[in-house]
């Protein structure tokens, strides 16, 4: 069974801030700040799906 990666995105003007991944025990991993552009989001999603996990974005 594959794990699902839950990803939260917070848009702030020209950037997407607080890109995070929930970890065991309620911890959150900060993935960084990216440009608020489709190509940047696509690269992030591609990178996060590399290990074959399902991805849920909110």
C-alpha atoms as a PDB file:
ATOM      1  CA  UNK A   1       0.000   0.000   0.000  1.00  0.00           C
ATOM      2  CA  UNK A   2       1.345   3.419  -0.989  1.00  0.00           C
ATOM      3  CA  UNK A   3       1.459   6.321   1.444  1.00  0.00           C
ATOM      4  CA  UNK A   4      -0.341   9.509   0.510  1.00  0.00           C
ATOM      5  CA  UNK A   5       1.614  12.739   0.751  1.00  0.00           C
ATOM      6  CA  UNK A   6      -0.535  15.679   1.874  1.00  0.00           C
ATOM      7  CA  UNK A   7       0.779  19.000   0.655  1.00  0.00           C
ATOM      8  CA  UNK A   8      -0.403  22.435   1.797  1.00  0.00           C
ATOM      9  CA  UNK A   9       0.225  25.541  -0.314  1.00  0.00           C
ATOM     10  CA  UNK A  10      -0.157  29.124   0.917  1.00  0.00           C
ATOM     11  CA  UNK A  11      -0.095  31.750  -1.832  1.00  0.00           C
ATOM     12  CA  UNK A  12       1.253  35.193  -1.018  1.00  0.00           C
ATOM     13  CA  UNK A  13       1.471  37.556  -3.999  1.00  0.00           C
ATOM     14  CA  UNK A  14       4.298  36.486  -6.300  1.00  0.00           C
ATOM     15  CA  UNK A  15       5.276  33.430  -4.251  1.00  0.00           C
ATOM     16  CA  UNK A  16       3.875  30.271  -2.768  1.00  0.00           C
ATOM     17  CA  UNK A  17       4.928  30.098   0.856  1.00  0.00           C
ATOM     18  CA  UNK A  18       4.865  27.398   3.521  1.00  0.00           C
ATOM     19  CA  UNK A  19       4.898  24.405   1.235  1.00  0.00           C
ATOM     20  CA  UNK A  20       4.663  21.610   3.801  1.00  0.00           C
ATOM     21  CA  UNK A  21       4.454  17.837   4.210  1.00  0.00           C
ATOM     22  CA  UNK A  22       2.920  16.166   7.279  1.00  0.00           C
ATOM     23  CA  UNK A  23       5.230  13.655   8.947  1.00  0.00           C
ATOM     24  CA  UNK A  24       4.583  11.019  11.617  1.00  0.00           C
ATOM     25  CA  UNK A  25       3.693  12.374  15.067  1.00  0.00           C
ATOM     26  CA  UNK A  26       2.156  15.568  13.620  1.00  0.00           C
ATOM     27  CA  UNK A  27       5.417  17.180  12.539  1.00  0.00           C
ATOM     28  CA  UNK A  28       5.512  19.302   9.381  1.00  0.00           C
ATOM     29  CA  UNK A  29       8.352  19.554   6.866  1.00  0.00           C
ATOM     30  CA  UNK A  30       8.876  22.946   5.222  1.00  0.00           C
ATOM     31  CA  UNK A  31       9.662  22.492   1.519  1.00  0.00           C
ATOM     32  CA  UNK A  32      10.479  26.116   0.817  1.00  0.00           C
ATOM     33  CA  UNK A  33       9.285  29.104  -1.154  1.00  0.00           C
ATOM     34  CA  UNK A  34       8.586  28.875  -4.869  1.00  0.00           C
ATOM     35  CA  UNK A  35       7.418  31.305  -7.543  1.00  0.00           C
ATOM     36  CA  UNK A  36       3.656  31.579  -8.015  1.00  0.00           C
ATOM     37  CA  UNK A  37       3.870  30.182 -11.551  1.00  0.00           C
ATOM     38  CA  UNK A  38       2.483  26.962 -13.054  1.00  0.00           C
ATOM     39  CA  UNK A  39       5.949  25.731 -14.076  1.00  0.00           C
ATOM     40  CA  UNK A  40       7.267  26.066 -10.498  1.00  0.00           C
ATOM     41  CA  UNK A  41       4.311  24.168  -9.043  1.00  0.00           C
ATOM     42  CA  UNK A  42       4.685  21.477 -11.717  1.00  0.00           C
ATOM     43  CA  UNK A  43       8.384  20.993 -10.847  1.00  0.00           C
ATOM     44  CA  UNK A  44       7.549  20.707  -7.138  1.00  0.00           C
ATOM     45  CA  UNK A  45       4.791  18.145  -7.756  1.00  0.00           C
ATOM     46  CA  UNK A  46       7.066  16.115 -10.031  1.00  0.00           C
ATOM     47  CA  UNK A  47       9.815  16.098  -7.390  1.00  0.00           C
ATOM     48  CA  UNK A  48       7.418  15.047  -4.610  1.00  0.00           C
ATOM     49  CA  UNK A  49       5.946  12.200  -6.699  1.00  0.00           C
ATOM     50  CA  UNK A  50       9.353  10.690  -7.542  1.00  0.00           C
ATOM     51  CA  UNK A  51       9.011   7.879  -5.026  1.00  0.00           C
ATOM     52  CA  UNK A  52       5.588   6.855  -6.373  1.00  0.00           C
ATOM     53  CA  UNK A  53       3.434   8.182  -3.522  1.00  0.00           C
ATOM     54  CA  UNK A  54      -0.016   9.572  -4.193  1.00  0.00           C
ATOM     55  CA  UNK A  55      -0.204  13.334  -3.727  1.00  0.00           C
ATOM     56  CA  UNK A  56      -3.102  15.304  -2.219  1.00  0.00           C
ATOM     57  CA  UNK A  57      -2.812  19.083  -2.581  1.00  0.00           C
ATOM     58  CA  UNK A  58      -4.863  21.648  -0.675  1.00  0.00           C
END
